Amino acid sequence: MKNLRNISVVKLYRELSSIGIDKFTPEKERKYILLGNSINLTTLTLIVPYTFLFYFLGVEKLALLLGSFFFLFSFYHFLTYKRYYFLSRALMLISMNTILGIYAIVLGRDSGLHFLYFVFFTLPFLLFSLRNYILVSFCCVSSFVFFCLVRFQLFEPVVIMNSFALQLISAVMVAVTFGWLLLNKLYLLRVNRIVEADLKET
């Protein structure tokens, strides 16, 4: 654990992961903040490769739009730093729903990406207390709406290719996403223990 503390990447993550937290932050709220910071940091690292993916697929405007979300998710940390916890997590969830919606609409129903909304549907319950039922309901409904937009093909796909190629791209995207999330989660869990230890020492 001591050796892990000295790695520069870990030091950077420790600072970003503990934004908005000090020794006076209640334990229950601290867990929400740590989880939100971890999800946001993972999302930031995934935006870059997917931006290049859409660029090489020939959808330059979408790649530029997606790349701009990098700054939006960076703004999440600013809001957390300013202690606007509720607003920062709401911004992150709405942005993630929008990004996945853009993916799914661009690639179309045959890609199957819209089924990832079943996963996104659970995020509000992880990041918010059920007392925030209005926001939880809004985020869940937005996931359902985007799912329906793609499932019932209310928009024509931007990228036209055969179903097998679309499904292959989607499978790669899903595999990379979940593989990266798993690796990050194993890594972040260890680093979060360092964050918790640092808070106890201060």
N, C-alpha and C. Protein backbone atom coordinates (compact mmCIF):
# COMPACT_ATOMS: atom_id res chain seq x y z
N MET A 1 0.83 -1.21 0.00
CA MET A 1 0.00 0.00 0.00
C MET A 1 0.86 1.25 0.00
N LYS A 2 1.97 1.22 0.78
CA LYS A 2 2.85 2.39 0.83
C LYS A 2 3.50 2.64 -0.52
N ASN A 3 3.90 1.53 -1.22
CA ASN A 3 4.50 1.69 -2.54
C ASN A 3 3.49 2.28 -3.52
N LEU A 4 2.22 1.87 -3.39
CA LEU A 4 1.18 2.37 -4.27
C LEU A 4 0.97 3.86 -4.10
N ARG A 5 1.13 4.34 -2.88
CA ARG A 5 0.95 5.76 -2.60
C ARG A 5 1.92 6.64 -3.38
N ASN A 6 3.10 6.10 -3.68
CA ASN A 6 4.17 6.92 -4.28
C ASN A 6 4.08 7.01 -5.80
N ILE A 7 3.16 6.27 -6.43
CA ILE A 7 3.02 6.32 -7.87
C ILE A 7 2.34 7.63 -8.25
N SER A 8 2.91 8.34 -9.23
CA SER A 8 2.40 9.66 -9.59
C SER A 8 0.94 9.62 -10.05
N VAL A 9 0.57 8.57 -10.81
CA VAL A 9 -0.80 8.45 -11.27
C VAL A 9 -1.75 8.29 -10.09
N VAL A 10 -1.31 7.52 -9.09
CA VAL A 10 -2.13 7.31 -7.90
C VAL A 10 -2.29 8.62 -7.13
N LYS A 11 -1.21 9.38 -7.06
CA LYS A 11 -1.28 10.67 -6.36
C LYS A 11 -2.29 11.59 -7.05
N LEU A 12 -2.25 11.61 -8.40
CA LEU A 12 -3.19 12.43 -9.14
C LEU A 12 -4.62 11.94 -8.91
N TYR A 13 -4.81 10.62 -9.00
CA TYR A 13 -6.15 10.08 -8.78
C TYR A 13 -6.63 10.37 -7.37
N ARG A 14 -5.73 10.22 -6.41
CA ARG A 14 -6.11 10.45 -5.01
C ARG A 14 -6.65 11.87 -4.82
N GLU A 15 -6.00 12.82 -5.49
CA GLU A 15 -6.45 14.21 -5.39
C GLU A 15 -7.80 14.41 -6.06
N LEU A 16 -7.96 13.82 -7.27
CA LEU A 16 -9.21 13.96 -8.00
C LEU A 16 -10.35 13.19 -7.33
N SER A 17 -10.03 12.03 -6.78
CA SER A 17 -11.04 11.20 -6.15
C SER A 17 -11.57 11.81 -4.86
N SER A 18 -10.73 12.55 -4.17
CA SER A 18 -11.12 13.10 -2.87
C SER A 18 -11.61 14.54 -2.95
N ILE A 19 -11.81 15.06 -4.18
CA ILE A 19 -12.34 16.41 -4.35
C ILE A 19 -13.72 16.49 -3.69
N GLY A 20 -13.94 17.55 -2.94
CA GLY A 20 -15.23 17.74 -2.28
C GLY A 20 -15.37 17.02 -0.96
N ILE A 21 -14.27 16.42 -0.49
CA ILE A 21 -14.30 15.64 0.75
C ILE A 21 -13.26 16.18 1.72
N ASP A 22 -13.65 16.31 2.97
CA ASP A 22 -12.69 16.59 4.02
C ASP A 22 -13.07 15.75 5.25
N LYS A 23 -12.34 15.93 6.33
CA LYS A 23 -12.58 15.09 7.50
C LYS A 23 -13.92 15.36 8.16
N PHE A 24 -14.58 16.46 7.79
CA PHE A 24 -15.88 16.80 8.38
C PHE A 24 -17.05 16.28 7.54
N THR A 25 -16.74 15.71 6.37
CA THR A 25 -17.80 15.18 5.51
C THR A 25 -18.39 13.92 6.14
N PRO A 26 -19.71 13.85 6.32
CA PRO A 26 -20.33 12.65 6.90
C PRO A 26 -19.99 11.40 6.09
N GLU A 27 -19.84 10.27 6.75
CA GLU A 27 -19.40 9.05 6.09
C GLU A 27 -20.33 8.64 4.94
N LYS A 28 -21.65 8.72 5.16
CA LYS A 28 -22.59 8.32 4.12
C LYS A 28 -22.45 9.19 2.89
N GLU A 29 -22.33 10.50 3.08
CA GLU A 29 -22.17 11.42 1.96
C GLU A 29 -20.83 11.21 1.27
N ARG A 30 -19.79 10.87 2.07
CA ARG A 30 -18.47 10.65 1.50
C ARG A 30 -18.48 9.48 0.52
N LYS A 31 -19.23 8.44 0.83
CA LYS A 31 -19.30 7.29 -0.06
C LYS A 31 -19.95 7.65 -1.39
N TYR A 32 -21.00 8.46 -1.34
CA TYR A 32 -21.64 8.93 -2.58
C TYR A 32 -20.66 9.74 -3.42
N ILE A 33 -19.90 10.61 -2.76
CA ILE A 33 -18.97 11.47 -3.48
C ILE A 33 -17.84 10.65 -4.10
N LEU A 34 -17.28 9.72 -3.34
CA LEU A 34 -16.21 8.87 -3.85
C LEU A 34 -16.68 8.06 -5.05
N LEU A 35 -17.89 7.51 -4.96
CA LEU A 35 -18.43 6.72 -6.07
C LEU A 35 -18.65 7.61 -7.29
N GLY A 36 -19.23 8.80 -7.09
CA GLY A 36 -19.45 9.72 -8.19
C GLY A 36 -18.14 10.14 -8.85
N ASN A 37 -17.13 10.44 -8.04
CA ASN A 37 -15.82 10.82 -8.58
C ASN A 37 -15.21 9.67 -9.38
N SER A 38 -15.35 8.45 -8.87
CA SER A 38 -14.78 7.29 -9.57
C SER A 38 -15.46 7.07 -10.91
N ILE A 39 -16.79 7.15 -10.94
CA ILE A 39 -17.52 6.96 -12.20
C ILE A 39 -17.14 8.06 -13.20
N ASN A 40 -17.03 9.28 -12.71
CA ASN A 40 -16.69 10.39 -13.60
C ASN A 40 -15.29 10.24 -14.18
N LEU A 41 -14.33 9.83 -13.35
CA LEU A 41 -12.96 9.66 -13.83
C LEU A 41 -12.88 8.54 -14.87
N THR A 42 -13.64 7.47 -14.65
CA THR A 42 -13.67 6.37 -15.62
C THR A 42 -14.27 6.84 -16.93
N THR A 43 -15.35 7.62 -16.86
CA THR A 43 -16.00 8.14 -18.06
C THR A 43 -15.05 9.05 -18.84
N LEU A 44 -14.31 9.90 -18.13
CA LEU A 44 -13.36 10.79 -18.79
C LEU A 44 -12.33 10.01 -19.61
N THR A 45 -11.85 8.90 -19.05
CA THR A 45 -10.84 8.13 -19.76
C THR A 45 -11.42 7.37 -20.95
N LEU A 46 -12.74 7.13 -20.95
CA LEU A 46 -13.36 6.41 -22.07
C LEU A 46 -13.75 7.35 -23.22
N ILE A 47 -13.93 8.64 -22.91
CA ILE A 47 -14.35 9.58 -23.95
C ILE A 47 -13.30 9.67 -25.06
N VAL A 48 -12.04 9.68 -24.69
CA VAL A 48 -10.96 9.86 -25.67
C VAL A 48 -10.93 8.75 -26.72
N PRO A 49 -10.88 7.45 -26.34
CA PRO A 49 -10.84 6.41 -27.39
C PRO A 49 -12.10 6.37 -28.24
N TYR A 50 -13.27 6.65 -27.65
CA TYR A 50 -14.49 6.63 -28.44
C TYR A 50 -14.57 7.82 -29.39
N THR A 51 -13.96 8.94 -29.02
CA THR A 51 -13.88 10.08 -29.93
C THR A 51 -13.10 9.70 -31.18
N PHE A 52 -11.98 9.01 -30.99
CA PHE A 52 -11.18 8.56 -32.13
C PHE A 52 -11.93 7.51 -32.95
N LEU A 53 -12.70 6.64 -32.26
CA LEU A 53 -13.45 5.60 -32.96
C LEU A 53 -14.43 6.22 -33.94
N PHE A 54 -15.21 7.21 -33.48
CA PHE A 54 -16.18 7.84 -34.37
C PHE A 54 -15.49 8.67 -35.46
N TYR A 55 -14.34 9.21 -35.16
CA TYR A 55 -13.59 9.96 -36.18
C TYR A 55 -13.19 9.03 -37.33
N PHE A 56 -12.69 7.84 -36.98
CA PHE A 56 -12.26 6.90 -38.01
C PHE A 56 -13.45 6.24 -38.71
N LEU A 57 -14.64 6.29 -38.08
CA LEU A 57 -15.84 5.80 -38.75
C LEU A 57 -16.36 6.82 -39.77
N GLY A 58 -15.73 8.00 -39.79
CA GLY A 58 -16.12 9.01 -40.74
C GLY A 58 -17.18 9.97 -40.25
N VAL A 59 -17.45 9.95 -38.93
CA VAL A 59 -18.46 10.87 -38.37
C VAL A 59 -17.71 11.93 -37.57
N GLU A 60 -17.04 12.85 -38.31
CA GLU A 60 -16.17 13.83 -37.65
C GLU A 60 -16.93 14.77 -36.72
N LYS A 61 -18.14 15.19 -37.14
CA LYS A 61 -18.91 16.10 -36.30
C LYS A 61 -19.30 15.46 -34.97
N LEU A 62 -19.66 14.19 -35.04
CA LEU A 62 -20.01 13.48 -33.81
C LEU A 62 -18.78 13.31 -32.92
N ALA A 63 -17.64 13.03 -33.53
CA ALA A 63 -16.40 12.89 -32.77
C ALA A 63 -16.07 14.20 -32.05
N LEU A 64 -16.26 15.31 -32.75
CA LEU A 64 -16.01 16.62 -32.14
C LEU A 64 -16.98 16.89 -31.01
N LEU A 65 -18.26 16.55 -31.21
CA LEU A 65 -19.27 16.73 -30.16
C LEU A 65 -18.93 15.88 -28.95
N LEU A 66 -18.57 14.63 -29.20
CA LEU A 66 -18.25 13.73 -28.10
C LEU A 66 -17.01 14.21 -27.35
N GLY A 67 -16.00 14.69 -28.09
CA GLY A 67 -14.80 15.21 -27.46
C GLY A 67 -15.08 16.39 -26.55
N SER A 68 -16.10 17.19 -26.94
CA SER A 68 -16.44 18.35 -26.12
C SER A 68 -17.02 17.94 -24.77
N PHE A 69 -17.57 16.72 -24.69
CA PHE A 69 -18.10 16.25 -23.41
C PHE A 69 -16.99 16.06 -22.38
N PHE A 70 -15.75 15.93 -22.86
CA PHE A 70 -14.62 15.79 -21.93
C PHE A 70 -14.58 16.98 -20.97
N PHE A 71 -14.81 18.17 -21.51
CA PHE A 71 -14.77 19.38 -20.68
C PHE A 71 -15.99 19.46 -19.77
N LEU A 72 -17.12 18.92 -20.24
CA LEU A 72 -18.32 18.90 -19.40
C LEU A 72 -18.10 18.01 -18.18
N PHE A 73 -17.51 16.83 -18.39
CA PHE A 73 -17.27 15.94 -17.27
C PHE A 73 -16.17 16.48 -16.36
N SER A 74 -15.25 17.26 -16.91
CA SER A 74 -14.25 17.92 -16.08
C SER A 74 -14.93 18.96 -15.19
N PHE A 75 -15.97 19.60 -15.71
CA PHE A 75 -16.72 20.59 -14.95
C PHE A 75 -17.41 19.95 -13.74
N TYR A 76 -17.73 18.65 -13.87
CA TYR A 76 -18.31 17.90 -12.74
C TYR A 76 -17.43 18.04 -11.50
N HIS A 77 -16.11 17.91 -11.67
CA HIS A 77 -15.20 17.99 -10.53
C HIS A 77 -15.19 19.39 -9.94
N PHE A 78 -15.36 20.39 -10.79
CA PHE A 78 -15.42 21.78 -10.30
C PHE A 78 -16.65 21.95 -9.41
N LEU A 79 -17.80 21.45 -9.86
CA LEU A 79 -19.01 21.54 -9.06
C LEU A 79 -18.88 20.78 -7.75
N THR A 80 -18.23 19.63 -7.80
CA THR A 80 -18.02 18.85 -6.57
C THR A 80 -17.09 19.60 -5.62
N TYR A 81 -16.05 20.21 -6.19
CA TYR A 81 -15.11 21.01 -5.39
C TYR A 81 -15.84 22.15 -4.68
N LYS A 82 -16.84 22.73 -5.36
CA LYS A 82 -17.62 23.83 -4.79
C LYS A 82 -18.73 23.34 -3.87
N ARG A 83 -18.79 22.03 -3.66
CA ARG A 83 -19.77 21.39 -2.77
C ARG A 83 -21.19 21.39 -3.33
N TYR A 84 -21.32 21.52 -4.67
CA TYR A 84 -22.64 21.38 -5.30
C TYR A 84 -22.82 19.91 -5.68
N TYR A 85 -22.89 19.04 -4.66
CA TYR A 85 -22.89 17.60 -4.90
C TYR A 85 -24.09 17.15 -5.72
N PHE A 86 -25.26 17.60 -5.34
CA PHE A 86 -26.50 17.18 -6.01
C PHE A 86 -26.46 17.56 -7.48
N LEU A 87 -26.07 18.80 -7.76
CA LEU A 87 -26.03 19.30 -9.13
C LEU A 87 -24.97 18.57 -9.96
N SER A 88 -23.82 18.30 -9.37
CA SER A 88 -22.73 17.66 -10.10
C SER A 88 -23.10 16.24 -10.53
N ARG A 89 -23.71 15.48 -9.61
CA ARG A 89 -24.09 14.11 -9.96
C ARG A 89 -25.24 14.09 -10.96
N ALA A 90 -26.16 15.05 -10.82
CA ALA A 90 -27.26 15.14 -11.79
C ALA A 90 -26.72 15.44 -13.18
N LEU A 91 -25.76 16.37 -13.27
CA LEU A 91 -25.13 16.71 -14.55
C LEU A 91 -24.45 15.49 -15.16
N MET A 92 -23.75 14.72 -14.33
CA MET A 92 -23.04 13.55 -14.83
C MET A 92 -24.01 12.52 -15.39
N LEU A 93 -25.08 12.22 -14.67
CA LEU A 93 -26.03 11.21 -15.12
C LEU A 93 -26.72 11.62 -16.42
N ILE A 94 -27.15 12.87 -16.48
CA ILE A 94 -27.83 13.36 -17.69
C ILE A 94 -26.87 13.33 -18.88
N SER A 95 -25.61 13.69 -18.63
CA SER A 95 -24.60 13.68 -19.71
C SER A 95 -24.33 12.25 -20.19
N MET A 96 -24.25 11.30 -19.27
CA MET A 96 -24.00 9.91 -19.66
C MET A 96 -25.17 9.37 -20.47
N ASN A 97 -26.39 9.69 -20.07
CA ASN A 97 -27.57 9.27 -20.85
C ASN A 97 -27.52 9.86 -22.25
N THR A 98 -27.13 11.13 -22.34
CA THR A 98 -27.08 11.81 -23.65
C THR A 98 -26.02 11.19 -24.54
N ILE A 99 -24.84 10.92 -23.97
CA ILE A 99 -23.75 10.33 -24.76
C ILE A 99 -24.15 8.97 -25.32
N LEU A 100 -24.70 8.11 -24.45
CA LEU A 100 -25.12 6.80 -24.93
C LEU A 100 -26.23 6.93 -25.97
N GLY A 101 -27.13 7.90 -25.76
CA GLY A 101 -28.18 8.14 -26.74
C GLY A 101 -27.62 8.52 -28.10
N ILE A 102 -26.58 9.36 -28.09
CA ILE A 102 -25.94 9.76 -29.35
C ILE A 102 -25.31 8.55 -30.04
N TYR A 103 -24.59 7.74 -29.24
CA TYR A 103 -24.00 6.50 -29.80
C TYR A 103 -25.07 5.68 -30.50
N ALA A 104 -26.15 5.41 -29.73
CA ALA A 104 -27.18 4.49 -30.21
C ALA A 104 -27.92 5.03 -31.42
N ILE A 105 -28.23 6.33 -31.41
CA ILE A 105 -28.96 6.92 -32.54
C ILE A 105 -28.09 6.93 -33.80
N VAL A 106 -26.80 7.25 -33.62
CA VAL A 106 -25.90 7.29 -34.78
C VAL A 106 -25.74 5.91 -35.41
N LEU A 107 -25.58 4.88 -34.60
CA LEU A 107 -25.34 3.53 -35.12
C LEU A 107 -26.64 2.79 -35.44
N GLY A 108 -27.77 3.24 -34.85
CA GLY A 108 -29.05 2.63 -35.17
C GLY A 108 -29.41 1.42 -34.32
N ARG A 109 -30.63 0.94 -34.54
CA ARG A 109 -31.17 -0.15 -33.72
C ARG A 109 -30.38 -1.45 -33.87
N ASP A 110 -29.88 -1.71 -35.08
CA ASP A 110 -29.17 -2.97 -35.32
C ASP A 110 -27.91 -3.11 -34.48
N SER A 111 -27.37 -1.97 -34.00
CA SER A 111 -26.15 -2.04 -33.19
C SER A 111 -26.40 -2.67 -31.83
N GLY A 112 -27.63 -2.52 -31.31
CA GLY A 112 -27.96 -3.09 -30.00
C GLY A 112 -27.43 -2.29 -28.83
N LEU A 113 -26.82 -1.12 -29.10
CA LEU A 113 -26.24 -0.33 -28.01
C LEU A 113 -27.29 0.17 -27.02
N HIS A 114 -28.52 0.35 -27.48
CA HIS A 114 -29.56 0.88 -26.61
C HIS A 114 -29.86 -0.04 -25.42
N PHE A 115 -29.48 -1.31 -25.53
CA PHE A 115 -29.72 -2.23 -24.42
C PHE A 115 -28.85 -1.90 -23.21
N LEU A 116 -27.79 -1.09 -23.44
CA LEU A 116 -26.96 -0.65 -22.30
C LEU A 116 -27.74 0.24 -21.35
N TYR A 117 -28.88 0.76 -21.80
CA TYR A 117 -29.68 1.60 -20.90
C TYR A 117 -30.24 0.81 -19.72
N PHE A 118 -30.29 -0.51 -19.84
CA PHE A 118 -30.70 -1.31 -18.68
C PHE A 118 -29.68 -1.18 -17.56
N VAL A 119 -28.40 -0.99 -17.94
CA VAL A 119 -27.35 -0.75 -16.95
C VAL A 119 -27.45 0.68 -16.42
N PHE A 120 -27.62 1.63 -17.34
CA PHE A 120 -27.71 3.04 -16.95
C PHE A 120 -28.91 3.30 -16.04
N PHE A 121 -29.94 2.50 -16.20
CA PHE A 121 -31.16 2.66 -15.41
C PHE A 121 -30.87 2.50 -13.91
N THR A 122 -29.82 1.74 -13.57
CA THR A 122 -29.51 1.48 -12.16
C THR A 122 -28.66 2.57 -11.52
N LEU A 123 -27.98 3.39 -12.32
CA LEU A 123 -27.04 4.37 -11.77
C LEU A 123 -27.67 5.38 -10.82
N PRO A 124 -28.86 5.92 -11.13
CA PRO A 124 -29.44 6.89 -10.18
C PRO A 124 -29.63 6.32 -8.78
N PHE A 125 -29.93 5.01 -8.70
CA PHE A 125 -30.14 4.39 -7.39
C PHE A 125 -28.83 4.23 -6.62
N LEU A 126 -27.70 4.24 -7.35
CA LEU A 126 -26.39 4.12 -6.71
C LEU A 126 -25.86 5.47 -6.25
N LEU A 127 -26.20 6.53 -6.99
CA LEU A 127 -25.61 7.84 -6.75
C LEU A 127 -26.47 8.77 -5.92
N PHE A 128 -27.74 8.42 -5.73
CA PHE A 128 -28.63 9.30 -4.98
C PHE A 128 -29.43 8.51 -3.95
N SER A 129 -29.76 9.18 -2.88
CA SER A 129 -30.68 8.60 -1.91
C SER A 129 -32.08 8.55 -2.53
N LEU A 130 -32.86 7.56 -2.12
CA LEU A 130 -34.21 7.44 -2.65
C LEU A 130 -35.09 8.61 -2.24
N ARG A 131 -34.61 9.41 -1.28
CA ARG A 131 -35.37 10.61 -0.91
C ARG A 131 -35.39 11.62 -2.05
N ASN A 132 -34.39 11.52 -2.93
CA ASN A 132 -34.36 12.39 -4.11
C ASN A 132 -35.16 11.74 -5.25
N TYR A 133 -36.39 11.39 -4.94
CA TYR A 133 -37.19 10.58 -5.87
C TYR A 133 -37.46 11.31 -7.19
N ILE A 134 -37.53 12.64 -7.17
CA ILE A 134 -37.81 13.38 -8.41
C ILE A 134 -36.66 13.21 -9.40
N LEU A 135 -35.42 13.41 -8.92
CA LEU A 135 -34.26 13.27 -9.80
C LEU A 135 -34.06 11.82 -10.23
N VAL A 136 -34.20 10.89 -9.29
CA VAL A 136 -34.06 9.47 -9.63
C VAL A 136 -35.07 9.10 -10.71
N SER A 137 -36.30 9.55 -10.56
CA SER A 137 -37.35 9.25 -11.54
C SER A 137 -37.02 9.89 -12.89
N PHE A 138 -36.54 11.14 -12.86
CA PHE A 138 -36.21 11.84 -14.11
C PHE A 138 -35.11 11.11 -14.87
N CYS A 139 -34.04 10.69 -14.16
CA CYS A 139 -32.93 10.00 -14.81
C CYS A 139 -33.38 8.65 -15.38
N CYS A 140 -34.23 7.95 -14.63
CA CYS A 140 -34.73 6.66 -15.12
C CYS A 140 -35.61 6.85 -16.34
N VAL A 141 -36.47 7.87 -16.32
CA VAL A 141 -37.34 8.14 -17.45
C VAL A 141 -36.53 8.54 -18.68
N SER A 142 -35.46 9.34 -18.47
CA SER A 142 -34.63 9.75 -19.61
C SER A 142 -33.95 8.54 -20.26
N SER A 143 -33.52 7.57 -19.43
CA SER A 143 -32.95 6.34 -19.98
C SER A 143 -33.98 5.59 -20.80
N PHE A 144 -35.20 5.52 -20.29
CA PHE A 144 -36.28 4.80 -20.98
C PHE A 144 -36.63 5.49 -22.30
N VAL A 145 -36.66 6.84 -22.30
CA VAL A 145 -37.00 7.59 -23.51
C VAL A 145 -35.97 7.35 -24.60
N PHE A 146 -34.67 7.45 -24.24
CA PHE A 146 -33.61 7.21 -25.23
C PHE A 146 -33.68 5.78 -25.75
N PHE A 147 -33.97 4.83 -24.87
CA PHE A 147 -34.10 3.43 -25.28
C PHE A 147 -35.20 3.29 -26.34
N CYS A 148 -36.34 3.92 -26.09
CA CYS A 148 -37.46 3.84 -27.02
C CYS A 148 -37.15 4.52 -28.35
N LEU A 149 -36.43 5.66 -28.30
CA LEU A 149 -36.07 6.38 -29.53
C LEU A 149 -35.31 5.47 -30.49
N VAL A 150 -34.42 4.65 -29.92
CA VAL A 150 -33.59 3.78 -30.76
C VAL A 150 -34.32 2.49 -31.08
N ARG A 151 -34.95 1.91 -30.05
CA ARG A 151 -35.61 0.62 -30.24
C ARG A 151 -36.69 0.68 -31.32
N PHE A 152 -37.45 1.77 -31.34
CA PHE A 152 -38.51 1.91 -32.33
C PHE A 152 -38.06 2.72 -33.55
N GLN A 153 -36.74 2.98 -33.62
CA GLN A 153 -36.08 3.63 -34.75
C GLN A 153 -36.83 4.88 -35.21
N LEU A 154 -36.98 5.82 -34.27
CA LEU A 154 -37.63 7.08 -34.57
C LEU A 154 -36.70 8.04 -35.29
N PHE A 155 -35.38 7.69 -35.31
CA PHE A 155 -34.39 8.46 -36.08
C PHE A 155 -33.65 7.51 -37.00
N GLU A 156 -33.38 7.96 -38.21
CA GLU A 156 -32.58 7.16 -39.12
C GLU A 156 -31.12 7.18 -38.67
N PRO A 157 -30.43 6.03 -38.67
CA PRO A 157 -29.02 6.00 -38.24
C PRO A 157 -28.14 6.84 -39.15
N VAL A 158 -27.11 7.45 -38.59
CA VAL A 158 -26.17 8.27 -39.35
C VAL A 158 -25.19 7.40 -40.10
N VAL A 159 -24.68 6.36 -39.40
CA VAL A 159 -23.71 5.44 -40.00
C VAL A 159 -24.48 4.27 -40.61
N ILE A 160 -24.39 4.12 -41.92
CA ILE A 160 -25.09 3.04 -42.62
C ILE A 160 -24.08 1.95 -42.98
N MET A 161 -24.28 0.78 -42.41
CA MET A 161 -23.46 -0.39 -42.75
C MET A 161 -24.26 -1.63 -42.42
N ASN A 162 -23.76 -2.80 -42.80
CA ASN A 162 -24.55 -4.01 -42.56
C ASN A 162 -24.61 -4.35 -41.07
N SER A 163 -25.62 -5.13 -40.72
CA SER A 163 -25.91 -5.43 -39.31
C SER A 163 -24.73 -6.08 -38.60
N PHE A 164 -24.03 -6.99 -39.30
CA PHE A 164 -22.92 -7.68 -38.66
C PHE A 164 -21.81 -6.70 -38.25
N ALA A 165 -21.49 -5.75 -39.16
CA ALA A 165 -20.45 -4.77 -38.85
C ALA A 165 -20.86 -3.89 -37.68
N LEU A 166 -22.14 -3.48 -37.65
CA LEU A 166 -22.64 -2.66 -36.55
C LEU A 166 -22.56 -3.41 -35.22
N GLN A 167 -22.97 -4.67 -35.25
CA GLN A 167 -22.95 -5.47 -34.03
C GLN A 167 -21.52 -5.74 -33.56
N LEU A 168 -20.60 -5.88 -34.52
CA LEU A 168 -19.20 -6.07 -34.17
C LEU A 168 -18.64 -4.83 -33.49
N ILE A 169 -18.94 -3.65 -34.05
CA ILE A 169 -18.49 -2.38 -33.45
C ILE A 169 -19.07 -2.24 -32.05
N SER A 170 -20.37 -2.54 -31.92
CA SER A 170 -21.03 -2.42 -30.62
C SER A 170 -20.44 -3.39 -29.61
N ALA A 171 -20.16 -4.62 -30.06
CA ALA A 171 -19.57 -5.62 -29.16
C ALA A 171 -18.21 -5.16 -28.66
N VAL A 172 -17.42 -4.57 -29.57
CA VAL A 172 -16.10 -4.05 -29.17
C VAL A 172 -16.26 -2.92 -28.17
N MET A 173 -17.21 -2.00 -28.45
CA MET A 173 -17.44 -0.88 -27.54
C MET A 173 -17.87 -1.34 -26.15
N VAL A 174 -18.80 -2.31 -26.13
CA VAL A 174 -19.28 -2.83 -24.84
C VAL A 174 -18.16 -3.57 -24.11
N ALA A 175 -17.39 -4.39 -24.85
CA ALA A 175 -16.31 -5.15 -24.23
C ALA A 175 -15.24 -4.21 -23.65
N VAL A 176 -14.87 -3.19 -24.44
CA VAL A 176 -13.87 -2.23 -23.97
C VAL A 176 -14.40 -1.47 -22.76
N THR A 177 -15.67 -1.07 -22.81
CA THR A 177 -16.26 -0.31 -21.71
C THR A 177 -16.26 -1.12 -20.42
N PHE A 178 -16.80 -2.33 -20.49
CA PHE A 178 -16.90 -3.12 -19.28
C PHE A 178 -15.54 -3.63 -18.81
N GLY A 179 -14.66 -3.94 -19.77
CA GLY A 179 -13.30 -4.34 -19.39
C GLY A 179 -12.57 -3.21 -18.68
N TRP A 180 -12.70 -2.00 -19.25
CA TRP A 180 -12.06 -0.83 -18.64
C TRP A 180 -12.68 -0.51 -17.29
N LEU A 181 -14.00 -0.62 -17.20
CA LEU A 181 -14.67 -0.38 -15.91
C LEU A 181 -14.20 -1.36 -14.86
N LEU A 182 -14.06 -2.63 -15.25
CA LEU A 182 -13.62 -3.64 -14.29
C LEU A 182 -12.21 -3.36 -13.81
N LEU A 183 -11.29 -3.08 -14.76
CA LEU A 183 -9.91 -2.78 -14.38
C LEU A 183 -9.83 -1.53 -13.52
N ASN A 184 -10.61 -0.50 -13.91
CA ASN A 184 -10.62 0.73 -13.13
C ASN A 184 -11.18 0.49 -11.73
N LYS A 185 -12.23 -0.31 -11.66
CA LYS A 185 -12.86 -0.54 -10.36
C LYS A 185 -11.90 -1.27 -9.42
N LEU A 186 -11.20 -2.27 -9.93
CA LEU A 186 -10.22 -2.98 -9.09
C LEU A 186 -9.12 -2.02 -8.64
N TYR A 187 -8.69 -1.16 -9.56
CA TYR A 187 -7.64 -0.19 -9.25
C TYR A 187 -8.17 0.89 -8.30
N LEU A 188 -9.37 1.39 -8.63
CA LEU A 188 -9.92 2.49 -7.84
C LEU A 188 -10.28 2.06 -6.42
N LEU A 189 -10.69 0.81 -6.26
CA LEU A 189 -11.01 0.33 -4.92
C LEU A 189 -9.77 0.40 -4.02
N ARG A 190 -8.62 0.03 -4.57
CA ARG A 190 -7.37 0.10 -3.80
C ARG A 190 -7.00 1.54 -3.49
N VAL A 191 -7.14 2.40 -4.50
CA VAL A 191 -6.77 3.79 -4.29
C VAL A 191 -7.76 4.47 -3.34
N ASN A 192 -9.04 4.09 -3.41
CA ASN A 192 -10.02 4.68 -2.51
C ASN A 192 -9.72 4.32 -1.06
N ARG A 193 -9.11 3.16 -0.84
CA ARG A 193 -8.69 2.82 0.53
C ARG A 193 -7.61 3.79 1.01
N ILE A 194 -6.75 4.21 0.07
CA ILE A 194 -5.73 5.19 0.42
C ILE A 194 -6.38 6.52 0.76
N VAL A 195 -7.40 6.91 -0.04
CA VAL A 195 -8.14 8.14 0.23
C VAL A 195 -8.76 8.10 1.61
N GLU A 196 -9.42 6.98 1.92
CA GLU A 196 -10.05 6.82 3.24
C GLU A 196 -8.99 6.91 4.34
N ALA A 197 -7.83 6.26 4.11
CA ALA A 197 -6.77 6.28 5.12
C ALA A 197 -6.22 7.69 5.32
N ASP A 198 -6.07 8.43 4.21
CA ASP A 198 -5.58 9.81 4.31
C ASP A 198 -6.54 10.68 5.11
N LEU A 199 -7.84 10.48 4.89
CA LEU A 199 -8.83 11.27 5.61
C LEU A 199 -8.79 10.99 7.11
N LYS A 200 -8.54 9.74 7.46
CA LYS A 200 -8.48 9.39 8.88
C LYS A 200 -7.24 9.95 9.54
N GLU A 201 -6.16 10.10 8.75
CA GLU A 201 -4.92 10.61 9.31
C GLU A 201 -4.94 12.12 9.51
N THR A 202 -5.82 12.83 8.75
CA THR A 202 -5.86 14.29 8.84
C THR A 202 -6.69 14.74 10.02
